[in-house]
């Protein structure tokens, strides 16, 4: 990417990388690390025309959702905490990644894009 003077890197983190979540120290730490890595890389690669951003999904309808603490006992409780009152589909995260990889996001670098239905608002 640096050789051609253009490119986009999209890192995937999590809403857990935006705030501490009890009982998930290792997972949270790794997601916070993605944030830092994204910001450092954005500053380092901008001079080469390479953009670096991160996506931070909340509840997404995937098999991993069943591993969220408390989800299996009361999924409605978790959904009630989301202002849009639903769980996102994986395609919604994919569309965000596609946008960030495209020229439509040509002035975004080092940014964090939260896709969580408003849960962190």
N, C-alpha and C. Protein backbone atom coordinates (compact mmCIF):
# COMPACT_ATOMS: atom_id res chain seq x y z
N UNK A 1 0.82 -1.19 0.00
CA UNK A 1 0.00 0.00 0.00
C UNK A 1 0.87 1.25 0.00
N UNK A 2 1.93 1.23 0.81
CA UNK A 2 2.81 2.39 0.86
C UNK A 2 3.47 2.62 -0.49
N UNK A 3 3.84 1.54 -1.19
CA UNK A 3 4.49 1.68 -2.48
C UNK A 3 3.60 2.34 -3.52
N UNK A 4 2.29 2.06 -3.47
CA UNK A 4 1.37 2.66 -4.45
C UNK A 4 0.79 3.98 -3.95
N UNK A 5 1.03 4.30 -2.67
CA UNK A 5 0.59 5.59 -2.14
C UNK A 5 -0.88 5.66 -1.78
N UNK A 6 -1.50 4.52 -1.55
CA UNK A 6 -2.92 4.52 -1.18
C UNK A 6 -3.29 3.20 -0.54
N UNK A 7 -4.33 3.25 0.26
CA UNK A 7 -4.83 2.02 0.85
C UNK A 7 -5.64 2.30 2.09
N UNK A 8 -6.32 1.28 2.55
CA UNK A 8 -7.14 1.40 3.74
C UNK A 8 -7.06 0.11 4.54
N UNK A 9 -6.77 0.26 5.82
CA UNK A 9 -6.76 -0.86 6.74
C UNK A 9 -7.93 -0.66 7.69
N UNK A 10 -8.73 -1.70 7.85
CA UNK A 10 -9.87 -1.63 8.76
C UNK A 10 -9.67 -2.71 9.82
N UNK A 11 -9.45 -2.28 11.05
CA UNK A 11 -9.28 -3.20 12.17
C UNK A 11 -10.61 -3.42 12.85
N UNK A 12 -10.83 -4.64 13.32
CA UNK A 12 -12.05 -4.98 14.04
C UNK A 12 -11.74 -5.11 15.52
N UNK A 13 -12.43 -4.31 16.32
CA UNK A 13 -12.29 -4.36 17.76
C UNK A 13 -13.63 -4.80 18.33
N UNK A 14 -14.15 -4.06 19.29
CA UNK A 14 -15.42 -4.41 19.93
C UNK A 14 -15.87 -3.24 20.78
N UNK A 15 -17.14 -3.22 21.11
CA UNK A 15 -17.62 -2.25 22.09
C UNK A 15 -16.90 -2.46 23.42
N UNK A 16 -16.45 -3.69 23.67
CA UNK A 16 -15.69 -3.98 24.89
C UNK A 16 -14.34 -3.28 24.89
N UNK A 17 -13.91 -2.80 23.75
CA UNK A 17 -12.68 -2.02 23.67
C UNK A 17 -12.92 -0.54 23.94
N UNK A 18 -14.16 -0.17 24.19
CA UNK A 18 -14.50 1.23 24.47
C UNK A 18 -14.78 1.47 25.95
N UNK A 19 -15.08 0.40 26.67
CA UNK A 19 -15.34 0.53 28.11
C UNK A 19 -15.02 -0.81 28.77
N UNK A 20 -14.69 -0.75 30.03
CA UNK A 20 -14.39 -1.98 30.76
C UNK A 20 -15.65 -2.80 30.97
N UNK A 21 -15.51 -4.11 30.85
CA UNK A 21 -16.62 -5.02 31.06
C UNK A 21 -16.19 -6.06 32.09
N UNK A 22 -16.93 -6.14 33.18
CA UNK A 22 -16.59 -7.07 34.25
C UNK A 22 -16.52 -8.50 33.74
N UNK A 23 -15.50 -9.21 34.17
CA UNK A 23 -15.36 -10.62 33.84
C UNK A 23 -14.71 -10.91 32.50
N UNK A 24 -14.18 -9.89 31.84
CA UNK A 24 -13.58 -10.15 30.53
C UNK A 24 -12.29 -9.36 30.35
N UNK A 25 -11.39 -9.50 31.32
CA UNK A 25 -10.15 -8.74 31.30
C UNK A 25 -9.31 -9.00 30.05
N UNK A 26 -9.08 -10.24 29.70
CA UNK A 26 -8.23 -10.54 28.54
C UNK A 26 -8.87 -10.06 27.25
N UNK A 27 -10.16 -10.33 27.09
CA UNK A 27 -10.86 -9.89 25.88
C UNK A 27 -10.85 -8.37 25.78
N UNK A 28 -11.21 -7.70 26.86
CA UNK A 28 -11.23 -6.24 26.86
C UNK A 28 -9.86 -5.65 26.58
N UNK A 29 -8.85 -6.20 27.21
CA UNK A 29 -7.48 -5.69 27.00
C UNK A 29 -7.07 -5.83 25.54
N UNK A 30 -7.41 -6.94 24.92
CA UNK A 30 -7.04 -7.13 23.52
C UNK A 30 -7.78 -6.14 22.62
N UNK A 31 -9.02 -5.83 22.95
CA UNK A 31 -9.80 -4.90 22.13
C UNK A 31 -9.34 -3.46 22.34
N UNK A 32 -8.94 -3.11 23.56
CA UNK A 32 -8.35 -1.79 23.80
C UNK A 32 -7.03 -1.68 23.03
N UNK A 33 -6.28 -2.77 22.96
CA UNK A 33 -5.01 -2.77 22.22
C UNK A 33 -5.23 -2.49 20.74
N UNK A 34 -6.31 -3.01 20.18
CA UNK A 34 -6.62 -2.74 18.77
C UNK A 34 -6.83 -1.24 18.56
N UNK A 35 -7.47 -0.58 19.52
CA UNK A 35 -7.67 0.88 19.41
C UNK A 35 -6.32 1.59 19.33
N UNK A 36 -5.42 1.25 20.24
CA UNK A 36 -4.11 1.89 20.26
C UNK A 36 -3.31 1.59 19.01
N UNK A 37 -3.33 0.35 18.58
CA UNK A 37 -2.62 -0.05 17.37
C UNK A 37 -3.14 0.74 16.16
N UNK A 38 -4.47 0.90 16.10
CA UNK A 38 -5.08 1.63 14.99
C UNK A 38 -4.60 3.07 14.95
N UNK A 39 -4.59 3.72 16.10
CA UNK A 39 -4.19 5.13 16.15
C UNK A 39 -2.72 5.31 15.81
N UNK A 40 -1.87 4.44 16.32
CA UNK A 40 -0.44 4.54 16.01
C UNK A 40 -0.21 4.29 14.52
N UNK A 41 -0.82 3.25 13.99
CA UNK A 41 -0.65 2.94 12.57
C UNK A 41 -1.20 4.07 11.68
N UNK A 42 -2.30 4.67 12.09
CA UNK A 42 -2.87 5.77 11.30
C UNK A 42 -1.87 6.92 11.20
N UNK A 43 -1.22 7.24 12.29
CA UNK A 43 -0.25 8.33 12.27
C UNK A 43 1.01 7.94 11.47
N UNK A 44 1.43 6.70 11.60
CA UNK A 44 2.64 6.26 10.92
C UNK A 44 2.46 6.13 9.40
N UNK A 45 1.28 5.67 8.97
CA UNK A 45 1.08 5.37 7.55
C UNK A 45 0.39 6.47 6.76
N UNK A 46 -0.11 7.50 7.43
CA UNK A 46 -0.80 8.59 6.72
C UNK A 46 0.09 9.23 5.66
N UNK A 47 1.35 9.37 5.95
CA UNK A 47 2.27 10.02 4.99
C UNK A 47 2.43 9.21 3.71
N UNK A 48 2.05 7.93 3.76
CA UNK A 48 2.09 7.08 2.58
C UNK A 48 0.73 6.99 1.88
N UNK A 49 -0.26 7.73 2.40
CA UNK A 49 -1.59 7.68 1.80
C UNK A 49 -2.42 6.49 2.26
N UNK A 50 -1.98 5.84 3.33
CA UNK A 50 -2.71 4.68 3.85
C UNK A 50 -3.52 5.11 5.07
N UNK A 51 -4.81 4.83 5.04
CA UNK A 51 -5.72 5.16 6.14
C UNK A 51 -5.91 3.92 7.01
N UNK A 52 -6.05 4.13 8.32
CA UNK A 52 -6.26 3.03 9.26
C UNK A 52 -7.36 3.43 10.23
N UNK A 53 -8.43 2.66 10.27
CA UNK A 53 -9.56 2.93 11.16
C UNK A 53 -9.96 1.64 11.86
N UNK A 54 -10.82 1.78 12.88
CA UNK A 54 -11.30 0.59 13.57
C UNK A 54 -12.81 0.62 13.71
N UNK A 55 -13.38 -0.57 13.75
CA UNK A 55 -14.81 -0.77 13.94
C UNK A 55 -15.01 -1.44 15.29
N UNK A 56 -16.03 -0.96 16.02
CA UNK A 56 -16.31 -1.47 17.36
C UNK A 56 -17.76 -1.92 17.44
N UNK A 57 -18.02 -3.19 17.08
CA UNK A 57 -19.39 -3.68 17.11
C UNK A 57 -19.88 -3.95 18.53
N UNK A 58 -21.18 -3.85 18.68
CA UNK A 58 -21.84 -4.26 19.92
C UNK A 58 -22.40 -5.65 19.72
N UNK A 59 -23.67 -5.84 20.06
CA UNK A 59 -24.31 -7.15 19.91
C UNK A 59 -24.59 -7.44 18.44
N UNK A 60 -23.99 -8.50 17.94
CA UNK A 60 -24.13 -8.90 16.54
C UNK A 60 -24.62 -10.35 16.53
N UNK A 61 -25.55 -10.66 15.66
CA UNK A 61 -26.14 -12.00 15.58
C UNK A 61 -25.15 -12.99 14.98
N UNK A 62 -24.27 -13.50 15.83
CA UNK A 62 -23.28 -14.50 15.43
C UNK A 62 -23.21 -15.56 16.54
N UNK A 63 -22.56 -16.70 16.29
CA UNK A 63 -22.40 -17.70 17.35
C UNK A 63 -21.71 -17.15 18.60
N UNK A 64 -20.84 -16.16 18.44
CA UNK A 64 -20.13 -15.57 19.58
C UNK A 64 -21.10 -14.89 20.55
N UNK A 65 -22.23 -14.47 20.06
CA UNK A 65 -23.22 -13.78 20.90
C UNK A 65 -23.62 -14.64 22.10
N UNK A 66 -23.65 -15.93 21.92
CA UNK A 66 -24.03 -16.83 23.02
C UNK A 66 -22.98 -16.87 24.14
N UNK A 67 -21.79 -16.34 23.86
CA UNK A 67 -20.73 -16.30 24.87
C UNK A 67 -20.76 -15.03 25.70
N UNK A 68 -21.63 -14.08 25.35
CA UNK A 68 -21.74 -12.83 26.10
C UNK A 68 -22.32 -13.16 27.48
N UNK A 69 -21.65 -12.73 28.56
CA UNK A 69 -22.15 -13.02 29.89
C UNK A 69 -23.61 -12.56 30.07
N UNK A 70 -24.47 -13.47 30.52
CA UNK A 70 -25.86 -13.15 30.78
C UNK A 70 -26.77 -13.27 29.58
N UNK A 71 -26.22 -13.41 28.39
CA UNK A 71 -27.05 -13.45 27.18
C UNK A 71 -27.92 -14.70 27.15
N UNK A 72 -27.36 -15.83 27.54
CA UNK A 72 -28.14 -17.06 27.46
C UNK A 72 -29.26 -17.12 28.50
N UNK A 73 -29.09 -16.43 29.63
CA UNK A 73 -30.11 -16.47 30.66
C UNK A 73 -31.26 -15.50 30.39
N UNK A 74 -30.96 -14.32 29.82
CA UNK A 74 -32.00 -13.32 29.56
C UNK A 74 -31.61 -12.44 28.37
N UNK A 75 -31.75 -12.96 27.15
CA UNK A 75 -31.34 -12.16 25.98
C UNK A 75 -32.13 -10.86 25.84
N UNK A 76 -33.39 -10.85 26.27
CA UNK A 76 -34.19 -9.63 26.16
C UNK A 76 -33.62 -8.50 27.01
N UNK A 77 -33.04 -8.84 28.14
CA UNK A 77 -32.44 -7.82 29.01
C UNK A 77 -31.31 -7.09 28.28
N UNK A 78 -30.47 -7.85 27.58
CA UNK A 78 -29.37 -7.24 26.83
C UNK A 78 -29.90 -6.36 25.71
N UNK A 79 -30.92 -6.81 25.01
CA UNK A 79 -31.49 -6.04 23.90
C UNK A 79 -32.14 -4.76 24.42
N UNK A 80 -32.73 -4.79 25.60
CA UNK A 80 -33.36 -3.59 26.17
C UNK A 80 -32.35 -2.50 26.44
N UNK A 81 -31.08 -2.85 26.60
CA UNK A 81 -30.03 -1.86 26.84
C UNK A 81 -29.58 -1.17 25.54
N UNK A 82 -30.03 -1.68 24.42
CA UNK A 82 -29.67 -1.11 23.12
C UNK A 82 -30.80 -0.16 22.70
N UNK A 83 -30.51 1.14 22.55
CA UNK A 83 -31.57 2.08 22.18
C UNK A 83 -32.35 1.70 20.92
N UNK A 84 -31.70 1.08 19.94
CA UNK A 84 -32.44 0.67 18.74
C UNK A 84 -33.23 -0.61 18.96
N UNK A 85 -33.09 -1.22 20.14
CA UNK A 85 -33.89 -2.37 20.57
C UNK A 85 -33.79 -3.60 19.66
N UNK A 86 -32.58 -3.84 19.15
CA UNK A 86 -32.38 -5.05 18.35
C UNK A 86 -30.90 -5.39 18.31
N UNK A 87 -30.64 -6.59 17.90
CA UNK A 87 -29.28 -7.07 17.69
C UNK A 87 -28.96 -6.87 16.21
N UNK A 88 -27.75 -6.45 15.91
CA UNK A 88 -27.36 -6.19 14.52
C UNK A 88 -27.08 -7.49 13.77
N UNK A 89 -27.21 -7.41 12.48
CA UNK A 89 -26.84 -8.51 11.59
C UNK A 89 -25.37 -8.32 11.16
N UNK A 90 -24.64 -9.41 10.91
CA UNK A 90 -23.25 -9.29 10.49
C UNK A 90 -23.07 -8.40 9.26
N UNK A 91 -24.05 -8.41 8.36
CA UNK A 91 -23.95 -7.59 7.15
C UNK A 91 -23.85 -6.10 7.46
N UNK A 92 -24.42 -5.69 8.59
CA UNK A 92 -24.34 -4.27 8.96
C UNK A 92 -22.91 -3.87 9.30
N UNK A 93 -22.18 -4.76 9.94
CA UNK A 93 -20.77 -4.51 10.22
C UNK A 93 -19.97 -4.55 8.92
N UNK A 94 -20.30 -5.49 8.06
CA UNK A 94 -19.61 -5.61 6.76
C UNK A 94 -19.78 -4.33 5.94
N UNK A 95 -20.96 -3.76 5.97
CA UNK A 95 -21.19 -2.51 5.21
C UNK A 95 -20.35 -1.37 5.77
N UNK A 96 -20.17 -1.33 7.08
CA UNK A 96 -19.32 -0.30 7.68
C UNK A 96 -17.88 -0.50 7.21
N UNK A 97 -17.42 -1.75 7.21
CA UNK A 97 -16.05 -2.04 6.75
C UNK A 97 -15.88 -1.66 5.28
N UNK A 98 -16.87 -1.97 4.47
CA UNK A 98 -16.82 -1.62 3.05
C UNK A 98 -16.74 -0.11 2.86
N UNK A 99 -17.53 0.63 3.63
CA UNK A 99 -17.48 2.09 3.57
C UNK A 99 -16.07 2.59 3.91
N UNK A 100 -15.51 2.09 5.01
CA UNK A 100 -14.19 2.56 5.44
C UNK A 100 -13.09 2.19 4.45
N UNK A 101 -13.25 1.08 3.77
CA UNK A 101 -12.26 0.67 2.77
C UNK A 101 -12.39 1.46 1.48
N UNK A 102 -13.53 2.09 1.28
CA UNK A 102 -13.80 2.80 0.03
C UNK A 102 -13.25 4.23 0.04
N UNK A 103 -13.24 4.83 -1.14
CA UNK A 103 -12.83 6.22 -1.28
C UNK A 103 -13.83 7.18 -0.64
N UNK A 104 -15.03 6.69 -0.32
CA UNK A 104 -16.03 7.54 0.34
C UNK A 104 -15.55 7.97 1.73
N UNK A 105 -14.63 7.22 2.31
CA UNK A 105 -14.09 7.54 3.63
C UNK A 105 -12.66 8.08 3.52
N UNK A 106 -12.38 8.78 2.44
CA UNK A 106 -11.01 9.19 2.11
C UNK A 106 -10.36 10.14 3.12
N UNK A 107 -11.13 10.77 3.99
CA UNK A 107 -10.53 11.69 4.97
C UNK A 107 -10.66 11.15 6.39
N UNK A 108 -10.93 9.87 6.53
CA UNK A 108 -11.02 9.25 7.85
C UNK A 108 -9.81 8.37 8.08
N UNK A 109 -9.08 8.69 9.12
CA UNK A 109 -7.97 7.83 9.55
C UNK A 109 -7.78 8.01 11.04
N UNK A 110 -7.44 6.92 11.70
CA UNK A 110 -7.26 6.95 13.14
C UNK A 110 -8.56 7.05 13.91
N UNK A 111 -9.66 6.78 13.24
CA UNK A 111 -10.97 6.95 13.85
C UNK A 111 -11.57 5.62 14.29
N UNK A 112 -12.50 5.73 15.22
CA UNK A 112 -13.19 4.57 15.78
C UNK A 112 -14.65 4.66 15.38
N UNK A 113 -15.15 3.63 14.75
CA UNK A 113 -16.54 3.62 14.30
C UNK A 113 -17.31 2.59 15.11
N UNK A 114 -18.22 3.10 15.93
CA UNK A 114 -19.01 2.25 16.82
C UNK A 114 -20.29 1.86 16.11
N UNK A 115 -20.59 0.58 16.09
CA UNK A 115 -21.81 0.08 15.46
C UNK A 115 -22.49 -0.82 16.50
N UNK A 116 -23.26 -0.16 17.38
CA UNK A 116 -23.84 -0.86 18.52
C UNK A 116 -25.29 -0.49 18.82
N UNK A 117 -25.96 0.11 17.86
CA UNK A 117 -27.36 0.49 18.07
C UNK A 117 -27.56 1.54 19.13
N UNK A 118 -26.50 2.24 19.49
CA UNK A 118 -26.59 3.31 20.48
C UNK A 118 -26.26 2.87 21.90
N UNK A 119 -25.82 1.65 22.10
CA UNK A 119 -25.57 1.13 23.45
C UNK A 119 -24.53 1.94 24.24
N UNK A 120 -23.53 2.47 23.57
CA UNK A 120 -22.52 3.27 24.27
C UNK A 120 -22.84 4.76 24.30
N UNK A 121 -23.97 5.14 23.72
CA UNK A 121 -24.32 6.57 23.66
C UNK A 121 -24.56 7.14 25.05
